[in-house]
């Protein structure tokens, strides 16, 4: 889910999970799952985000002044760890369903207890349903089975629940030029949030966003465009055209 990176040393393996050392960055550690890049951590620099879509998400969360963030899907928790390092008095809570991922993150990827950070093994949809209304500033969904977001996390019902809990939702979607999954996720968000837009390109990672209050899209777009991996902002009118006629996923179909 990221650009190709040269690695030369396997540090640990568990099932289809592999931890590798980055030969170009001695403190860099890459977690791969089923042959795909899943997480990257710099053990010496908690602020470093190697994956472009995580940097784009951080731009949005900073601009939204989101201090209480629920992360559904965590991997090695690169983004929540970076946000907690910036704001130890904030609240980053991570739900990761895979216990092996968390075990490797704790053993080899430097995941430790830290102020402002809580990590738990939990199924994201069930955990979301138990959250109190308006209890979070933002929800980040960064969970995958293979290259696909689990459908039960991005149905109309799930994202309506997300809107009950937080005024901002960011969802990482890996897609191809057809943008089929981006359209389906955006269609579901449109039924839950007042404003839907996206950061990304025509293929690869796209951050699809929903928010209840108007976002500062001009500032977000300019900062994302200045990223080392520039992202194009697709605003609400263009997203509305993109999703026109798209049938959103619902729980009975998932």
C-alpha atoms as a PDB file:
ATOM      1  CA  UNK A   1       0.000   0.000   0.000  1.00  0.00           C
ATOM      2  CA  UNK A   2       3.019   2.257  -0.311  1.00  0.00           C
ATOM      3  CA  UNK A   3       5.901   2.847  -2.667  1.00  0.00           C
ATOM      4  CA  UNK A   4       8.440   0.086  -3.148  1.00  0.00           C
ATOM      5  CA  UNK A   5      11.151   0.205  -0.499  1.00  0.00           C
ATOM      6  CA  UNK A   6      14.447  -1.671  -0.441  1.00  0.00           C
ATOM      7  CA  UNK A   7      14.803  -3.937   2.575  1.00  0.00           C
ATOM      8  CA  UNK A   8      17.390  -6.570   3.265  1.00  0.00           C
ATOM      9  CA  UNK A   9      16.855  -8.074   6.701  1.00  0.00           C
ATOM     10  CA  UNK A  10      13.937 -10.060   8.004  1.00  0.00           C
ATOM     11  CA  UNK A  11      13.716  -9.492  11.743  1.00  0.00           C
ATOM     12  CA  UNK A  12      10.668 -11.597  12.577  1.00  0.00           C
ATOM     13  CA  UNK A  13       7.945 -13.696  10.956  1.00  0.00           C
ATOM     14  CA  UNK A  14       4.589 -14.888  12.205  1.00  0.00           C
ATOM     15  CA  UNK A  15       2.144 -16.510   9.775  1.00  0.00           C
ATOM     16  CA  UNK A  16       1.775 -14.135   6.834  1.00  0.00           C
ATOM     17  CA  UNK A  17       3.324 -11.276   8.820  1.00  0.00           C
ATOM     18  CA  UNK A  18       6.945 -10.227   8.301  1.00  0.00           C
ATOM     19  CA  UNK A  19       8.963  -7.480  10.010  1.00  0.00           C
ATOM     20  CA  UNK A  20      11.877  -6.156   7.957  1.00  0.00           C
ATOM     21  CA  UNK A  21      14.640  -3.620   8.574  1.00  0.00           C
ATOM     22  CA  UNK A  22      14.956  -0.778   6.063  1.00  0.00           C
ATOM     23  CA  UNK A  23      18.494  -0.807   4.693  1.00  0.00           C
ATOM     24  CA  UNK A  24      18.291   2.906   3.823  1.00  0.00           C
ATOM     25  CA  UNK A  25      17.060   3.956   7.271  1.00  0.00           C
ATOM     26  CA  UNK A  26      18.689   1.954  10.095  1.00  0.00           C
ATOM     27  CA  UNK A  27      15.907   2.794  12.553  1.00  0.00           C
ATOM     28  CA  UNK A  28      13.152   2.044  10.031  1.00  0.00           C
ATOM     29  CA  UNK A  29      10.996  -1.068  10.422  1.00  0.00           C
ATOM     30  CA  UNK A  30       8.477  -2.309   7.859  1.00  0.00           C
ATOM     31  CA  UNK A  31       5.601  -4.637   8.678  1.00  0.00           C
ATOM     32  CA  UNK A  32       4.320  -6.612   5.699  1.00  0.00           C
ATOM     33  CA  UNK A  33       1.199  -8.753   5.652  1.00  0.00           C
ATOM     34  CA  UNK A  34       0.474 -11.198   2.882  1.00  0.00           C
ATOM     35  CA  UNK A  35       3.166  -9.595   0.732  1.00  0.00           C
ATOM     36  CA  UNK A  36       1.781  -6.052   1.138  1.00  0.00           C
ATOM     37  CA  UNK A  37       3.197  -3.131   3.086  1.00  0.00           C
ATOM     38  CA  UNK A  38       1.061  -2.717   6.214  1.00  0.00           C
ATOM     39  CA  UNK A  39       2.974  -0.396   8.577  1.00  0.00           C
ATOM     40  CA  UNK A  40       6.252   1.483   8.766  1.00  0.00           C
ATOM     41  CA  UNK A  41       7.800   2.783  11.974  1.00  0.00           C
ATOM     42  CA  UNK A  42      10.949   4.793  12.609  1.00  0.00           C
ATOM     43  CA  UNK A  43      12.110   3.628  16.034  1.00  0.00           C
ATOM     44  CA  UNK A  44      14.168   6.810  16.479  1.00  0.00           C
ATOM     45  CA  UNK A  45      11.548   9.310  15.292  1.00  0.00           C
ATOM     46  CA  UNK A  46       7.891   8.908  16.362  1.00  0.00           C
ATOM     47  CA  UNK A  47       6.890  11.893  14.215  1.00  0.00           C
ATOM     48  CA  UNK A  48       8.059  10.243  10.981  1.00  0.00           C
ATOM     49  CA  UNK A  49       5.262   8.946   8.748  1.00  0.00           C
ATOM     50  CA  UNK A  50       6.640   7.026   5.801  1.00  0.00           C
ATOM     51  CA  UNK A  51       3.332   6.288   4.090  1.00  0.00           C
ATOM     52  CA  UNK A  52       1.980   9.233   2.141  1.00  0.00           C
ATOM     53  CA  UNK A  53      -1.688   8.713   3.032  1.00  0.00           C
ATOM     54  CA  UNK A  54      -0.865   8.901   6.758  1.00  0.00           C
ATOM     55  CA  UNK A  55       0.800  12.278   6.229  1.00  0.00           C
ATOM     56  CA  UNK A  56      -2.303  13.442   4.346  1.00  0.00           C
ATOM     57  CA  UNK A  57      -4.497  12.266   7.228  1.00  0.00           C
ATOM     58  CA  UNK A  58      -2.296  14.114   9.712  1.00  0.00           C
ATOM     59  CA  UNK A  59      -2.744  17.322   7.699  1.00  0.00           C
ATOM     60  CA  UNK A  60      -6.525  16.964   7.933  1.00  0.00           C
ATOM     61  CA  UNK A  61      -6.557  16.082  11.628  1.00  0.00           C
ATOM     62  CA  UNK A  62      -4.283  18.985  12.493  1.00  0.00           C
ATOM     63  CA  UNK A  63      -6.426  21.419  10.527  1.00  0.00           C
ATOM     64  CA  UNK A  64      -9.556  20.083  12.232  1.00  0.00           C
ATOM     65  CA  UNK A  65      -7.886  20.448  15.669  1.00  0.00           C
ATOM     66  CA  UNK A  66      -8.882  16.835  16.341  1.00  0.00           C
ATOM     67  CA  UNK A  67      -7.368  15.822  19.680  1.00  0.00           C
ATOM     68  CA  UNK A  68      -9.587  12.819  20.472  1.00  0.00           C
ATOM     69  CA  UNK A  69      -9.234  10.322  17.642  1.00  0.00           C
ATOM     70  CA  UNK A  70     -10.532   6.767  17.407  1.00  0.00           C
ATOM     71  CA  UNK A  71      -8.445   4.637  15.047  1.00  0.00           C
ATOM     72  CA  UNK A  72     -10.126   1.518  13.661  1.00  0.00           C
ATOM     73  CA  UNK A  73      -7.322  -0.663  12.356  1.00  0.00           C
ATOM     74  CA  UNK A  74      -3.923   0.179  13.687  1.00  0.00           C
ATOM     75  CA  UNK A  75      -1.162  -2.108  12.466  1.00  0.00           C
ATOM     76  CA  UNK A  76       1.939  -0.841  14.222  1.00  0.00           C
ATOM     77  CA  UNK A  77       0.047   2.382  15.076  1.00  0.00           C
ATOM     78  CA  UNK A  78       2.276   4.818  13.180  1.00  0.00           C
ATOM     79  CA  UNK A  79      -0.295   7.623  12.923  1.00  0.00           C
ATOM     80  CA  UNK A  80      -1.680   7.423  16.483  1.00  0.00           C
ATOM     81  CA  UNK A  81       1.859   7.245  17.861  1.00  0.00           C
ATOM     82  CA  UNK A  82       2.860  10.339  15.865  1.00  0.00           C
ATOM     83  CA  UNK A  83      -0.234  12.232  17.013  1.00  0.00           C
ATOM     84  CA  UNK A  84       0.293  11.203  20.649  1.00  0.00           C
ATOM     85  CA  UNK A  85       3.921  12.357  20.467  1.00  0.00           C
ATOM     86  CA  UNK A  86       2.729  15.761  19.224  1.00  0.00           C
ATOM     87  CA  UNK A  87      -0.047  16.056  21.794  1.00  0.00           C
ATOM     88  CA  UNK A  88       0.427  13.812  24.868  1.00  0.00           C
ATOM     89  CA  UNK A  89      -2.613  15.423  26.496  1.00  0.00           C
ATOM     90  CA  UNK A  90      -4.826  14.406  23.601  1.00  0.00           C
ATOM     91  CA  UNK A  91      -6.419  10.985  23.221  1.00  0.00           C
ATOM     92  CA  UNK A  92      -5.551   8.417  20.571  1.00  0.00           C
ATOM     93  CA  UNK A  93      -7.359   5.094  20.933  1.00  0.00           C
ATOM     94  CA  UNK A  94      -6.616   2.199  18.579  1.00  0.00           C
ATOM     95  CA  UNK A  95      -8.718  -0.892  17.828  1.00  0.00           C
ATOM     96  CA  UNK A  96      -6.718  -3.596  16.057  1.00  0.00           C
ATOM     97  CA  UNK A  97      -8.460  -6.929  15.530  1.00  0.00           C
ATOM     98  CA  UNK A  98      -5.316  -8.991  14.799  1.00  0.00           C
ATOM     99  CA  UNK A  99      -3.511 -10.059  17.972  1.00  0.00           C
ATOM    100  CA  UNK A 100      -0.450 -11.220  16.008  1.00  0.00           C
ATOM    101  CA  UNK A 101      -0.047  -7.745  14.530  1.00  0.00           C
ATOM    102  CA  UNK A 102      -0.100  -6.206  18.002  1.00  0.00           C
ATOM    103  CA  UNK A 103       2.328  -8.798  19.345  1.00  0.00           C
ATOM    104  CA  UNK A 104       4.860  -8.076  16.596  1.00  0.00           C
ATOM    105  CA  UNK A 105       4.358  -4.334  17.029  1.00  0.00           C
ATOM    106  CA  UNK A 106       5.166  -4.631  20.730  1.00  0.00           C
ATOM    107  CA  UNK A 107       8.080  -7.030  20.261  1.00  0.00           C
ATOM    108  CA  UNK A 108       9.773  -5.539  17.205  1.00  0.00           C
ATOM    109  CA  UNK A 109       8.180  -2.210  16.231  1.00  0.00           C
ATOM    110  CA  UNK A 110       8.580  -0.236  19.430  1.00  0.00           C
ATOM    111  CA  UNK A 111       4.928  -0.088  20.455  1.00  0.00           C
ATOM    112  CA  UNK A 112       4.894   0.906  24.136  1.00  0.00           C
ATOM    113  CA  UNK A 113       2.580   2.545  26.617  1.00  0.00           C
ATOM    114  CA  UNK A 114       2.673   6.293  26.087  1.00  0.00           C
ATOM    115  CA  UNK A 115       0.771   9.344  27.313  1.00  0.00           C
ATOM    116  CA  UNK A 116      -2.267   9.967  25.157  1.00  0.00           C
ATOM    117  CA  UNK A 117      -2.188   6.548  23.478  1.00  0.00           C
ATOM    118  CA  UNK A 118      -4.267   3.463  24.175  1.00  0.00           C
ATOM    119  CA  UNK A 119      -4.146   0.312  22.053  1.00  0.00           C
ATOM    120  CA  UNK A 120      -6.549  -2.585  22.391  1.00  0.00           C
ATOM    121  CA  UNK A 121      -7.377  -5.768  20.510  1.00  0.00           C
ATOM    122  CA  UNK A 122     -10.982  -5.323  19.409  1.00  0.00           C
ATOM    123  CA  UNK A 123     -13.250  -5.681  16.391  1.00  0.00           C
ATOM    124  CA  UNK A 124     -13.801  -2.192  15.050  1.00  0.00           C
ATOM    125  CA  UNK A 125     -17.471  -2.307  14.108  1.00  0.00           C
ATOM    126  CA  UNK A 126     -18.517  -3.687  17.481  1.00  0.00           C
ATOM    127  CA  UNK A 127     -16.320  -1.209  19.341  1.00  0.00           C
ATOM    128  CA  UNK A 128     -17.714   1.700  17.326  1.00  0.00           C
ATOM    129  CA  UNK A 129     -21.275   0.689  18.171  1.00  0.00           C
ATOM    130  CA  UNK A 130     -20.476   0.907  21.895  1.00  0.00           C
ATOM    131  CA  UNK A 131     -19.147   4.477  21.745  1.00  0.00           C
ATOM    132  CA  UNK A 132     -21.133   7.336  23.233  1.00  0.00           C
ATOM    133  CA  UNK A 133     -22.533   9.949  20.886  1.00  0.00           C
ATOM    134  CA  UNK A 134     -20.196  12.878  20.164  1.00  0.00           C
ATOM    135  CA  UNK A 135     -17.412  11.229  22.181  1.00  0.00           C
ATOM    136  CA  UNK A 136     -14.631  11.677  19.576  1.00  0.00           C
ATOM    137  CA  UNK A 137     -13.323  14.508  17.425  1.00  0.00           C
ATOM    138  CA  UNK A 138     -12.533  12.189  14.518  1.00  0.00           C
ATOM    139  CA  UNK A 139     -12.568   8.566  13.438  1.00  0.00           C
ATOM    140  CA  UNK A 140      -9.826   7.087  11.243  1.00  0.00           C
ATOM    141  CA  UNK A 141     -10.574   3.813   9.458  1.00  0.00           C
ATOM    142  CA  UNK A 142      -7.371   2.205   8.202  1.00  0.00           C
ATOM    143  CA  UNK A 143      -8.174  -1.508   8.178  1.00  0.00           C
ATOM    144  CA  UNK A 144      -7.723  -4.092   5.459  1.00  0.00           C
ATOM    145  CA  UNK A 145      -8.331  -7.688   4.519  1.00  0.00           C
ATOM    146  CA  UNK A 146      -5.883  -8.104   1.674  1.00  0.00           C
ATOM    147  CA  UNK A 147      -6.168  -4.816  -0.200  1.00  0.00           C
ATOM    148  CA  UNK A 148      -9.810  -4.192   0.685  1.00  0.00           C
ATOM    149  CA  UNK A 149     -11.395  -2.277   3.541  1.00  0.00           C
ATOM    150  CA  UNK A 150     -13.638  -4.724   5.451  1.00  0.00           C
ATOM    151  CA  UNK A 151     -17.068  -3.954   4.064  1.00  0.00           C
ATOM    152  CA  UNK A 152     -18.772  -4.031   7.465  1.00  0.00           C
ATOM    153  CA  UNK A 153     -16.765  -0.901   8.410  1.00  0.00           C
ATOM    154  CA  UNK A 154     -17.965   1.187   5.447  1.00  0.00           C
ATOM    155  CA  UNK A 155     -21.657   0.418   5.085  1.00  0.00           C
ATOM    156  CA  UNK A 156     -24.243   3.160   5.386  1.00  0.00           C
ATOM    157  CA  UNK A 157     -25.128   1.848   8.840  1.00  0.00           C
ATOM    158  CA  UNK A 158     -21.502   1.755  10.044  1.00  0.00           C
ATOM    159  CA  UNK A 159     -20.752   5.253   8.801  1.00  0.00           C
ATOM    160  CA  UNK A 160     -24.006   6.597  10.208  1.00  0.00           C
ATOM    161  CA  UNK A 161     -22.783   5.227  13.519  1.00  0.00           C
ATOM    162  CA  UNK A 162     -19.441   6.947  12.921  1.00  0.00           C
ATOM    163  CA  UNK A 163     -21.246  10.254  12.308  1.00  0.00           C
ATOM    164  CA  UNK A 164     -23.113   9.796  15.587  1.00  0.00           C
ATOM    165  CA  UNK A 165     -19.784   9.417  17.380  1.00  0.00           C
ATOM    166  CA  UNK A 166     -17.560  11.977  15.597  1.00  0.00           C
ATOM    167  CA  UNK A 167     -18.035  14.938  13.225  1.00  0.00           C
ATOM    168  CA  UNK A 168     -15.125  13.845  11.003  1.00  0.00           C
ATOM    169  CA  UNK A 169     -14.288  10.476   9.447  1.00  0.00           C
ATOM    170  CA  UNK A 170     -11.213   9.612   7.379  1.00  0.00           C
ATOM    171  CA  UNK A 171     -11.082   6.304   5.498  1.00  0.00           C
ATOM    172  CA  UNK A 172      -8.052   4.891   3.710  1.00  0.00           C
ATOM    173  CA  UNK A 173      -9.095   3.138   0.494  1.00  0.00           C
ATOM    174  CA  UNK A 174      -6.752   1.355  -1.904  1.00  0.00           C
ATOM    175  CA  UNK A 175      -8.249   1.431  -5.380  1.00  0.00           C
ATOM    176  CA  UNK A 176      -7.520   1.211  -9.066  1.00  0.00           C
ATOM    177  CA  UNK A 177      -8.287   3.690 -11.823  1.00  0.00           C
ATOM    178  CA  UNK A 178     -11.918   2.562 -11.880  1.00  0.00           C
ATOM    179  CA  UNK A 179     -12.269   3.958  -8.315  1.00  0.00           C
ATOM    180  CA  UNK A 180     -15.062   1.458  -7.639  1.00  0.00           C
ATOM    181  CA  UNK A 181     -14.331   1.182  -3.920  1.00  0.00           C
ATOM    182  CA  UNK A 182     -13.727   4.919  -3.540  1.00  0.00           C
ATOM    183  CA  UNK A 183     -17.132   5.577  -5.089  1.00  0.00           C
ATOM    184  CA  UNK A 184     -18.869   3.016  -2.856  1.00  0.00           C
ATOM    185  CA  UNK A 185     -17.271   4.364   0.332  1.00  0.00           C
ATOM    186  CA  UNK A 186     -18.013   7.959  -0.660  1.00  0.00           C
ATOM    187  CA  UNK A 187     -21.626   7.041  -1.445  1.00  0.00           C
ATOM    188  CA  UNK A 188     -22.061   5.615   2.062  1.00  0.00           C
ATOM    189  CA  UNK A 189     -20.387   8.656   3.623  1.00  0.00           C
ATOM    190  CA  UNK A 190     -22.748  10.918   1.681  1.00  0.00           C
ATOM    191  CA  UNK A 191     -25.684   9.365   3.545  1.00  0.00           C
ATOM    192  CA  UNK A 192     -24.009  10.021   6.910  1.00  0.00           C
ATOM    193  CA  UNK A 193     -22.066  13.308   6.592  1.00  0.00           C
ATOM    194  CA  UNK A 194     -22.852  16.757   5.245  1.00  0.00           C
ATOM    195  CA  UNK A 195     -19.644  17.121   3.231  1.00  0.00           C
ATOM    196  CA  UNK A 196     -17.671  14.392   1.424  1.00  0.00           C
ATOM    197  CA  UNK A 197     -14.336  14.862  -0.330  1.00  0.00           C
ATOM    198  CA  UNK A 198     -11.043  13.030  -0.902  1.00  0.00           C
ATOM    199  CA  UNK A 199      -7.260  13.300  -1.042  1.00  0.00           C
ATOM    200  CA  UNK A 200      -5.235  11.084  -3.359  1.00  0.00           C
ATOM    201  CA  UNK A 201      -4.672  10.212  -6.985  1.00  0.00           C
ATOM    202  CA  UNK A 202      -6.291   8.104  -9.657  1.00  0.00           C
ATOM    203  CA  UNK A 203      -4.909   4.882  -8.184  1.00  0.00           C
ATOM    204  CA  UNK A 204      -3.310   3.640  -4.966  1.00  0.00           C
ATOM    205  CA  UNK A 205      -4.239   5.124  -1.589  1.00  0.00           C
ATOM    206  CA  UNK A 206      -7.104   7.588  -1.381  1.00  0.00           C
ATOM    207  CA  UNK A 207      -8.274   9.203   1.847  1.00  0.00           C
ATOM    208  CA  UNK A 208     -12.047   9.590   1.620  1.00  0.00           C
ATOM    209  CA  UNK A 209     -13.377  12.076   4.162  1.00  0.00           C
ATOM    210  CA  UNK A 210     -16.744  12.986   5.596  1.00  0.00           C
ATOM    211  CA  UNK A 211     -17.393  15.913   7.915  1.00  0.00           C
ATOM    212  CA  UNK A 212     -20.436  17.635   9.374  1.00  0.00           C
ATOM    213  CA  UNK A 213     -19.089  21.206   9.444  1.00  0.00           C
ATOM    214  CA  UNK A 214     -17.399  22.749   6.390  1.00  0.00           C
ATOM    215  CA  UNK A 215     -13.678  21.965   6.342  1.00  0.00           C
ATOM    216  CA  UNK A 216     -10.917  24.357   5.330  1.00  0.00           C
ATOM    217  CA  UNK A 217     -10.381  22.500   2.054  1.00  0.00           C
ATOM    218  CA  UNK A 218      -8.286  25.245   0.473  1.00  0.00           C
ATOM    219  CA  UNK A 219      -5.662  25.022   3.222  1.00  0.00           C
ATOM    220  CA  UNK A 220      -5.855  21.216   3.384  1.00  0.00           C
ATOM    221  CA  UNK A 221      -5.484  20.942  -0.392  1.00  0.00           C
ATOM    222  CA  UNK A 222      -2.493  23.274  -0.553  1.00  0.00           C
ATOM    223  CA  UNK A 223      -0.675  21.447   2.231  1.00  0.00           C
ATOM    224  CA  UNK A 224      -1.408  18.035   0.743  1.00  0.00           C
ATOM    225  CA  UNK A 225      -0.194  19.264  -2.646  1.00  0.00           C
ATOM    226  CA  UNK A 226       3.105  20.301  -0.998  1.00  0.00           C
ATOM    227  CA  UNK A 227       3.660  16.842   0.516  1.00  0.00           C
ATOM    228  CA  UNK A 228       6.683  14.846  -0.770  1.00  0.00           C
ATOM    229  CA  UNK A 229       4.018  12.626  -2.398  1.00  0.00           C
ATOM    230  CA  UNK A 230       1.547  15.294  -3.488  1.00  0.00           C
ATOM    231  CA  UNK A 231      -2.158  14.534  -3.159  1.00  0.00           C
ATOM    232  CA  UNK A 232      -4.910  16.015  -5.279  1.00  0.00           C
ATOM    233  CA  UNK A 233      -8.010  17.192  -3.437  1.00  0.00           C
ATOM    234  CA  UNK A 234     -11.345  16.153  -4.918  1.00  0.00           C
ATOM    235  CA  UNK A 235     -13.869  18.582  -3.481  1.00  0.00           C
ATOM    236  CA  UNK A 236     -17.521  17.962  -2.601  1.00  0.00           C
ATOM    237  CA  UNK A 237     -18.983  18.961  -6.018  1.00  0.00           C
ATOM    238  CA  UNK A 238     -16.587  16.658  -7.869  1.00  0.00           C
ATOM    239  CA  UNK A 239     -17.227  13.851  -5.365  1.00  0.00           C
ATOM    240  CA  UNK A 240     -20.975  14.263  -5.866  1.00  0.00           C
ATOM    241  CA  UNK A 241     -20.487  13.818  -9.612  1.00  0.00           C
ATOM    242  CA  UNK A 242     -18.201  10.821  -9.033  1.00  0.00           C
ATOM    243  CA  UNK A 243     -20.687   8.959  -6.830  1.00  0.00           C
ATOM    244  CA  UNK A 244     -23.795   9.812  -8.844  1.00  0.00           C
ATOM    245  CA  UNK A 245     -25.682   6.587  -9.445  1.00  0.00           C
ATOM    246  CA  UNK A 246     -23.434   4.556  -7.118  1.00  0.00           C
ATOM    247  CA  UNK A 247     -25.255   2.221  -4.767  1.00  0.00           C
ATOM    248  CA  UNK A 248     -23.826   2.471  -1.257  1.00  0.00           C
ATOM    249  CA  UNK A 249     -23.078  -0.742   0.613  1.00  0.00           C
ATOM    250  CA  UNK A 250     -25.520  -1.720   3.357  1.00  0.00           C
ATOM    251  CA  UNK A 251     -25.239  -4.225   6.166  1.00  0.00           C
ATOM    252  CA  UNK A 252     -27.553  -6.766   4.589  1.00  0.00           C
ATOM    253  CA  UNK A 253     -25.243  -6.775   1.537  1.00  0.00           C
ATOM    254  CA  UNK A 254     -21.933  -6.939   3.438  1.00  0.00           C
END
